[in-house]
């Protein structure tokens, strides 16, 4: 029996960090892994678009990298959020938990301590990108 695809959400801080840190190819490898599906919502797309256009970040993210980042995000499954909850220490993060419930995500990948401290939410494990890459390695076994 083949394992079902893992459903994954990357927080906006992951998308932006990789665009700034020149590690977009590492993120691309994760996105293209044959055993995962990546989900976004309109708010996540909007948040990343706003952040990467901030004047203080324009000098760190070239136009080509911004374009590549948005193309990668648009290749993900975009869904409308169904659930509405309030659970995190930062109410601005709640939409990610809502998205995780909506798509029944296996993983919410983030660098945000307000989310990482939760460790899980319903069926979703909340983990760092480094931990997620170890999960990907285990899926290849």
N, C-alpha and C. Protein backbone atom coordinates (compact mmCIF):
# COMPACT_ATOMS: atom_id res chain seq x y z
N UNK A 1 0.84 -1.19 0.00
CA UNK A 1 0.00 0.00 0.00
C UNK A 1 0.88 1.25 0.00
N UNK A 2 0.56 2.17 -0.87
CA UNK A 2 1.34 3.40 -0.98
C UNK A 2 0.86 4.42 0.05
N UNK A 3 1.81 5.10 0.69
CA UNK A 3 1.46 6.13 1.66
C UNK A 3 0.83 7.32 0.95
N UNK A 4 -0.22 7.90 1.54
CA UNK A 4 -0.82 9.08 0.91
C UNK A 4 0.14 10.27 0.97
N UNK A 5 -0.10 11.22 0.09
CA UNK A 5 0.73 12.42 0.09
C UNK A 5 0.58 13.17 1.40
N UNK A 6 1.66 13.76 1.86
CA UNK A 6 1.63 14.59 3.06
C UNK A 6 1.18 15.99 2.66
N UNK A 7 0.27 16.53 3.45
CA UNK A 7 -0.26 17.87 3.19
C UNK A 7 0.52 18.86 4.04
N UNK A 8 1.05 19.90 3.39
CA UNK A 8 1.99 20.81 4.05
C UNK A 8 1.61 22.26 3.80
N UNK A 9 1.82 23.08 4.83
CA UNK A 9 1.67 24.54 4.74
C UNK A 9 2.99 25.16 5.17
N UNK A 10 3.50 26.08 4.37
CA UNK A 10 4.68 26.86 4.75
C UNK A 10 4.22 28.24 5.16
N UNK A 11 4.58 28.65 6.36
CA UNK A 11 4.27 29.98 6.88
C UNK A 11 4.94 31.04 5.98
N UNK A 12 4.40 32.24 5.98
CA UNK A 12 4.98 33.32 5.17
C UNK A 12 6.43 33.58 5.54
N UNK A 13 6.79 33.40 6.82
CA UNK A 13 8.18 33.66 7.21
C UNK A 13 9.15 32.68 6.54
N UNK A 14 8.69 31.49 6.23
CA UNK A 14 9.53 30.52 5.51
C UNK A 14 9.74 31.00 4.08
N UNK A 15 8.65 31.35 3.41
CA UNK A 15 8.75 31.83 2.02
C UNK A 15 9.69 33.03 1.93
N UNK A 16 9.49 34.02 2.78
CA UNK A 16 10.28 35.25 2.72
C UNK A 16 11.73 35.00 3.12
N UNK A 17 11.95 34.22 4.16
CA UNK A 17 13.32 33.92 4.60
C UNK A 17 14.14 33.27 3.50
N UNK A 18 13.51 32.35 2.78
CA UNK A 18 14.25 31.67 1.72
C UNK A 18 14.52 32.60 0.54
N UNK A 19 13.63 33.51 0.26
CA UNK A 19 13.87 34.48 -0.81
C UNK A 19 15.02 35.41 -0.44
N UNK A 20 15.06 35.84 0.81
CA UNK A 20 16.12 36.73 1.28
C UNK A 20 17.45 35.99 1.39
N UNK A 21 17.40 34.79 1.95
CA UNK A 21 18.61 34.04 2.27
C UNK A 21 19.23 33.27 1.14
N UNK A 22 18.72 33.46 -0.07
CA UNK A 22 19.30 32.80 -1.24
C UNK A 22 19.17 31.28 -1.18
N UNK A 23 18.19 30.80 -0.42
CA UNK A 23 17.98 29.35 -0.30
C UNK A 23 16.67 28.94 -0.99
N UNK A 24 16.26 29.71 -1.95
CA UNK A 24 15.00 29.43 -2.63
C UNK A 24 15.03 28.07 -3.32
N UNK A 25 16.20 27.65 -3.78
CA UNK A 25 16.30 26.34 -4.42
C UNK A 25 16.02 25.21 -3.44
N UNK A 26 16.44 25.38 -2.19
CA UNK A 26 16.16 24.37 -1.16
C UNK A 26 14.65 24.27 -0.92
N UNK A 27 14.00 25.40 -0.89
CA UNK A 27 12.55 25.41 -0.74
C UNK A 27 11.89 24.79 -1.96
N UNK A 28 12.42 25.08 -3.13
CA UNK A 28 11.88 24.52 -4.37
C UNK A 28 11.97 22.99 -4.35
N UNK A 29 13.06 22.45 -3.86
CA UNK A 29 13.21 20.99 -3.75
C UNK A 29 12.12 20.42 -2.86
N UNK A 30 11.86 21.08 -1.74
CA UNK A 30 10.81 20.61 -0.84
C UNK A 30 9.45 20.69 -1.53
N UNK A 31 9.19 21.78 -2.23
CA UNK A 31 7.91 21.97 -2.90
C UNK A 31 7.66 20.94 -3.99
N UNK A 32 8.72 20.51 -4.64
CA UNK A 32 8.59 19.57 -5.75
C UNK A 32 8.70 18.11 -5.33
N UNK A 33 8.83 17.87 -4.03
CA UNK A 33 8.95 16.49 -3.55
C UNK A 33 7.69 15.73 -3.96
N UNK A 34 7.86 14.53 -4.52
CA UNK A 34 6.71 13.79 -5.04
C UNK A 34 5.73 13.27 -3.98
N UNK A 35 6.12 13.34 -2.71
CA UNK A 35 5.24 12.79 -1.68
C UNK A 35 4.56 13.85 -0.82
N UNK A 36 4.61 15.12 -1.27
CA UNK A 36 3.93 16.17 -0.52
C UNK A 36 3.05 17.02 -1.44
N UNK A 37 2.04 17.61 -0.84
CA UNK A 37 1.20 18.61 -1.48
C UNK A 37 1.29 19.86 -0.61
N UNK A 38 1.52 21.00 -1.24
CA UNK A 38 1.65 22.24 -0.49
C UNK A 38 0.40 23.09 -0.72
N UNK A 39 -0.10 23.64 0.38
CA UNK A 39 -1.33 24.43 0.33
C UNK A 39 -1.06 25.87 0.77
N UNK A 40 -1.78 26.79 0.16
CA UNK A 40 -1.76 28.20 0.52
C UNK A 40 -3.21 28.68 0.53
N UNK A 41 -3.41 29.88 1.05
CA UNK A 41 -4.71 30.54 0.97
C UNK A 41 -4.46 31.97 0.49
N UNK A 42 -5.53 32.67 0.19
CA UNK A 42 -5.37 34.04 -0.32
C UNK A 42 -4.63 34.93 0.68
N UNK A 43 -4.93 34.77 1.96
CA UNK A 43 -4.27 35.63 2.95
C UNK A 43 -2.77 35.37 2.98
N UNK A 44 -2.36 34.12 2.88
CA UNK A 44 -0.94 33.79 2.88
C UNK A 44 -0.26 34.37 1.64
N UNK A 45 -0.89 34.24 0.49
CA UNK A 45 -0.35 34.84 -0.73
C UNK A 45 -0.22 36.35 -0.59
N UNK A 46 -1.28 36.98 -0.08
CA UNK A 46 -1.29 38.43 0.11
C UNK A 46 -0.17 38.85 1.07
N UNK A 47 -0.04 38.14 2.18
CA UNK A 47 0.97 38.51 3.19
C UNK A 47 2.37 38.46 2.60
N UNK A 48 2.68 37.40 1.87
CA UNK A 48 4.01 37.29 1.26
C UNK A 48 4.22 38.41 0.24
N UNK A 49 3.23 38.68 -0.60
CA UNK A 49 3.36 39.75 -1.59
C UNK A 49 3.63 41.09 -0.93
N UNK A 50 2.94 41.39 0.16
CA UNK A 50 3.13 42.65 0.87
C UNK A 50 4.54 42.73 1.47
N UNK A 51 4.95 41.67 2.13
CA UNK A 51 6.25 41.68 2.82
C UNK A 51 7.40 41.81 1.82
N UNK A 52 7.36 41.08 0.72
CA UNK A 52 8.50 41.15 -0.21
C UNK A 52 8.57 42.46 -0.98
N UNK A 53 7.53 43.28 -0.88
CA UNK A 53 7.54 44.60 -1.52
C UNK A 53 7.94 45.72 -0.55
N UNK A 54 8.16 45.38 0.71
CA UNK A 54 8.56 46.41 1.68
C UNK A 54 9.91 47.01 1.26
N UNK A 55 10.01 48.33 1.32
CA UNK A 55 11.25 48.99 0.88
C UNK A 55 12.52 48.44 1.53
N UNK A 56 12.45 48.08 2.81
CA UNK A 56 13.67 47.59 3.47
C UNK A 56 14.10 46.22 2.95
N UNK A 57 13.20 45.48 2.30
CA UNK A 57 13.55 44.17 1.76
C UNK A 57 13.88 44.19 0.27
N UNK A 58 13.50 45.25 -0.41
CA UNK A 58 13.73 45.32 -1.85
C UNK A 58 15.21 45.17 -2.20
N UNK A 59 16.09 45.65 -1.34
CA UNK A 59 17.53 45.54 -1.64
C UNK A 59 18.06 44.12 -1.44
N UNK A 60 17.30 43.27 -0.73
CA UNK A 60 17.72 41.90 -0.48
C UNK A 60 17.09 40.87 -1.42
N UNK A 61 15.98 41.24 -2.03
CA UNK A 61 15.26 40.30 -2.89
C UNK A 61 15.13 40.93 -4.28
N UNK A 62 15.84 40.35 -5.23
CA UNK A 62 15.78 40.89 -6.59
C UNK A 62 14.39 40.68 -7.19
N UNK A 63 14.11 41.42 -8.24
CA UNK A 63 12.83 41.27 -8.93
C UNK A 63 12.65 39.83 -9.43
N UNK A 64 13.72 39.23 -9.93
CA UNK A 64 13.65 37.85 -10.41
C UNK A 64 13.31 36.88 -9.28
N UNK A 65 13.89 37.10 -8.13
CA UNK A 65 13.62 36.21 -6.99
C UNK A 65 12.18 36.41 -6.50
N UNK A 66 11.71 37.64 -6.49
CA UNK A 66 10.31 37.88 -6.10
C UNK A 66 9.37 37.17 -7.06
N UNK A 67 9.69 37.27 -8.34
CA UNK A 67 8.86 36.62 -9.35
C UNK A 67 8.88 35.10 -9.17
N UNK A 68 10.07 34.53 -8.96
CA UNK A 68 10.19 33.08 -8.75
C UNK A 68 9.41 32.64 -7.52
N UNK A 69 9.52 33.40 -6.45
CA UNK A 69 8.82 33.07 -5.21
C UNK A 69 7.31 33.03 -5.44
N UNK A 70 6.78 34.05 -6.09
CA UNK A 70 5.34 34.10 -6.35
C UNK A 70 4.90 32.99 -7.31
N UNK A 71 5.74 32.65 -8.26
CA UNK A 71 5.41 31.54 -9.17
C UNK A 71 5.37 30.22 -8.40
N UNK A 72 6.30 30.03 -7.49
CA UNK A 72 6.29 28.81 -6.68
C UNK A 72 5.03 28.73 -5.83
N UNK A 73 4.65 29.87 -5.26
CA UNK A 73 3.45 29.88 -4.42
C UNK A 73 2.19 29.63 -5.25
N UNK A 74 2.15 30.19 -6.44
CA UNK A 74 0.97 30.02 -7.28
C UNK A 74 0.84 28.59 -7.81
N UNK A 75 1.93 27.83 -7.78
CA UNK A 75 1.87 26.44 -8.19
C UNK A 75 1.30 25.53 -7.09
N UNK A 76 1.13 26.09 -5.90
CA UNK A 76 0.58 25.33 -4.78
C UNK A 76 -0.94 25.29 -4.86
N UNK A 77 -1.54 24.41 -4.10
CA UNK A 77 -3.00 24.34 -4.03
C UNK A 77 -3.51 25.53 -3.21
N UNK A 78 -4.34 26.36 -3.81
CA UNK A 78 -4.90 27.51 -3.10
C UNK A 78 -6.34 27.17 -2.70
N UNK A 79 -6.62 27.29 -1.41
CA UNK A 79 -7.94 26.93 -0.88
C UNK A 79 -8.52 28.09 -0.08
N UNK A 80 -9.82 28.05 0.08
CA UNK A 80 -10.50 29.01 0.94
C UNK A 80 -10.57 28.42 2.34
N UNK A 81 -10.32 29.25 3.33
CA UNK A 81 -10.36 28.81 4.72
C UNK A 81 -11.81 28.63 5.16
N UNK A 82 -12.06 27.50 5.81
CA UNK A 82 -13.40 27.20 6.30
C UNK A 82 -13.49 27.49 7.80
N UNK A 83 -12.54 26.95 8.54
CA UNK A 83 -12.54 27.10 10.00
C UNK A 83 -12.09 28.50 10.41
N UNK A 84 -12.59 28.97 11.53
CA UNK A 84 -12.13 30.24 12.12
C UNK A 84 -11.95 29.99 13.61
N UNK A 85 -10.71 30.08 14.06
CA UNK A 85 -10.42 29.83 15.47
C UNK A 85 -9.52 30.93 16.02
N UNK A 86 -9.36 30.92 17.31
CA UNK A 86 -8.39 31.79 17.97
C UNK A 86 -7.63 30.91 18.95
N UNK A 87 -6.36 30.66 18.63
CA UNK A 87 -5.63 29.73 19.47
C UNK A 87 -4.19 30.16 19.74
N UNK A 88 -3.56 30.88 18.83
CA UNK A 88 -2.15 31.19 19.01
C UNK A 88 -1.96 32.43 19.88
N UNK A 89 -0.73 32.61 20.33
CA UNK A 89 -0.42 33.79 21.14
C UNK A 89 -0.54 35.07 20.32
N UNK A 90 -0.36 34.93 19.00
CA UNK A 90 -0.47 36.07 18.09
C UNK A 90 -1.69 35.84 17.19
N UNK A 91 -2.75 36.61 17.40
CA UNK A 91 -3.97 36.42 16.59
C UNK A 91 -3.75 36.51 15.08
N UNK A 92 -2.67 37.19 14.67
CA UNK A 92 -2.36 37.28 13.24
C UNK A 92 -1.92 35.93 12.66
N UNK A 93 -1.60 34.97 13.52
CA UNK A 93 -1.19 33.64 13.06
C UNK A 93 -2.37 32.67 12.98
N UNK A 94 -3.50 33.05 13.52
CA UNK A 94 -4.63 32.12 13.59
C UNK A 94 -5.07 31.62 12.21
N UNK A 95 -4.94 32.45 11.18
CA UNK A 95 -5.37 32.00 9.85
C UNK A 95 -4.58 30.79 9.39
N UNK A 96 -3.32 30.66 9.82
CA UNK A 96 -2.53 29.49 9.44
C UNK A 96 -3.06 28.23 10.11
N UNK A 97 -3.51 28.36 11.36
CA UNK A 97 -4.13 27.23 12.04
C UNK A 97 -5.45 26.88 11.37
N UNK A 98 -6.19 27.91 10.97
CA UNK A 98 -7.44 27.70 10.24
C UNK A 98 -7.18 26.96 8.93
N UNK A 99 -6.14 27.37 8.23
CA UNK A 99 -5.78 26.73 6.97
C UNK A 99 -5.39 25.27 7.21
N UNK A 100 -4.64 25.04 8.27
CA UNK A 100 -4.23 23.67 8.60
C UNK A 100 -5.43 22.77 8.84
N UNK A 101 -6.44 23.28 9.53
CA UNK A 101 -7.65 22.50 9.78
C UNK A 101 -8.43 22.30 8.48
N UNK A 102 -8.53 23.34 7.69
CA UNK A 102 -9.28 23.28 6.44
C UNK A 102 -8.76 22.20 5.51
N UNK A 103 -7.43 22.10 5.38
CA UNK A 103 -6.85 21.12 4.44
C UNK A 103 -6.42 19.83 5.13
N UNK A 104 -6.66 19.75 6.44
CA UNK A 104 -6.23 18.60 7.23
C UNK A 104 -4.73 18.36 7.02
N UNK A 105 -3.96 19.42 7.23
CA UNK A 105 -2.51 19.39 6.98
C UNK A 105 -1.80 18.45 7.94
N UNK A 106 -0.82 17.77 7.40
CA UNK A 106 0.06 16.95 8.24
C UNK A 106 1.09 17.83 8.93
N UNK A 107 1.54 18.89 8.22
CA UNK A 107 2.59 19.76 8.75
C UNK A 107 2.32 21.22 8.47
N UNK A 108 2.55 22.04 9.47
CA UNK A 108 2.63 23.49 9.32
C UNK A 108 4.09 23.83 9.61
N UNK A 109 4.79 24.30 8.61
CA UNK A 109 6.23 24.57 8.72
C UNK A 109 6.41 26.06 8.94
N UNK A 110 7.10 26.41 10.03
CA UNK A 110 7.21 27.81 10.42
C UNK A 110 8.50 28.07 11.19
N UNK A 111 8.85 29.33 11.27
CA UNK A 111 9.94 29.77 12.12
C UNK A 111 9.40 30.62 13.27
N UNK A 112 8.10 30.73 13.36
CA UNK A 112 7.42 31.58 14.34
C UNK A 112 7.26 30.86 15.67
N UNK A 113 7.89 31.41 16.71
CA UNK A 113 7.84 30.77 18.03
C UNK A 113 6.42 30.72 18.60
N UNK A 114 5.58 31.69 18.23
CA UNK A 114 4.20 31.67 18.71
C UNK A 114 3.44 30.45 18.18
N UNK A 115 3.85 29.94 17.05
CA UNK A 115 3.24 28.73 16.50
C UNK A 115 4.01 27.48 16.93
N UNK A 116 5.33 27.55 16.88
CA UNK A 116 6.15 26.38 17.24
C UNK A 116 5.88 25.90 18.66
N UNK A 117 5.58 26.83 19.55
CA UNK A 117 5.32 26.45 20.94
C UNK A 117 4.09 25.54 21.07
N UNK A 118 3.17 25.64 20.11
CA UNK A 118 1.98 24.79 20.13
C UNK A 118 2.31 23.33 19.83
N UNK A 119 3.34 23.09 19.03
CA UNK A 119 3.82 21.76 18.62
C UNK A 119 2.85 21.01 17.71
N UNK A 120 1.57 21.14 17.94
CA UNK A 120 0.59 20.55 17.03
C UNK A 120 -0.74 21.27 17.20
N UNK A 121 -1.56 21.07 16.20
CA UNK A 121 -2.92 21.63 16.23
C UNK A 121 -3.80 20.65 15.48
N UNK A 122 -4.72 20.06 16.21
CA UNK A 122 -5.56 18.98 15.68
C UNK A 122 -4.65 17.94 15.03
N UNK A 123 -4.75 17.70 13.74
CA UNK A 123 -3.95 16.65 13.10
C UNK A 123 -2.62 17.16 12.55
N UNK A 124 -2.32 18.43 12.73
CA UNK A 124 -1.13 19.04 12.13
C UNK A 124 0.02 19.15 13.12
N UNK A 125 1.20 18.68 12.68
CA UNK A 125 2.42 18.89 13.44
C UNK A 125 2.98 20.25 13.04
N UNK A 126 3.36 21.05 14.02
CA UNK A 126 3.92 22.38 13.76
C UNK A 126 5.42 22.29 14.00
N UNK A 127 6.19 22.42 12.92
CA UNK A 127 7.63 22.15 12.99
C UNK A 127 8.43 23.20 12.23
N UNK A 128 9.73 23.22 12.51
CA UNK A 128 10.66 24.11 11.81
C UNK A 128 10.98 23.53 10.43
N UNK A 129 11.58 24.35 9.57
CA UNK A 129 11.95 23.86 8.24
C UNK A 129 13.00 22.76 8.34
N UNK A 130 13.95 22.90 9.25
CA UNK A 130 14.98 21.88 9.44
C UNK A 130 14.35 20.54 9.80
N UNK A 131 13.39 20.56 10.72
CA UNK A 131 12.70 19.33 11.10
C UNK A 131 11.91 18.78 9.92
N UNK A 132 11.32 19.67 9.14
CA UNK A 132 10.56 19.22 7.99
C UNK A 132 11.46 18.53 6.97
N UNK A 133 12.66 19.05 6.75
CA UNK A 133 13.58 18.43 5.81
C UNK A 133 13.95 17.02 6.27
N UNK A 134 14.05 16.81 7.59
CA UNK A 134 14.31 15.46 8.10
C UNK A 134 13.11 14.55 7.80
N UNK A 135 11.91 15.08 7.89
CA UNK A 135 10.71 14.31 7.53
C UNK A 135 10.78 13.92 6.06
N UNK A 136 11.14 14.86 5.20
CA UNK A 136 11.25 14.55 3.78
C UNK A 136 12.27 13.45 3.52
N UNK A 137 13.38 13.51 4.23
CA UNK A 137 14.39 12.45 4.08
C UNK A 137 13.81 11.09 4.45
N UNK A 138 12.99 11.05 5.51
CA UNK A 138 12.40 9.77 5.93
C UNK A 138 11.36 9.27 4.93
N UNK A 139 10.72 10.19 4.19
CA UNK A 139 9.74 9.77 3.18
C UNK A 139 10.41 9.09 1.99
N UNK A 140 11.69 9.37 1.80
CA UNK A 140 12.42 8.78 0.68
C UNK A 140 12.87 7.35 0.95
N UNK A 141 12.75 6.91 2.18
CA UNK A 141 13.22 5.55 2.53
C UNK A 141 12.36 4.48 1.89
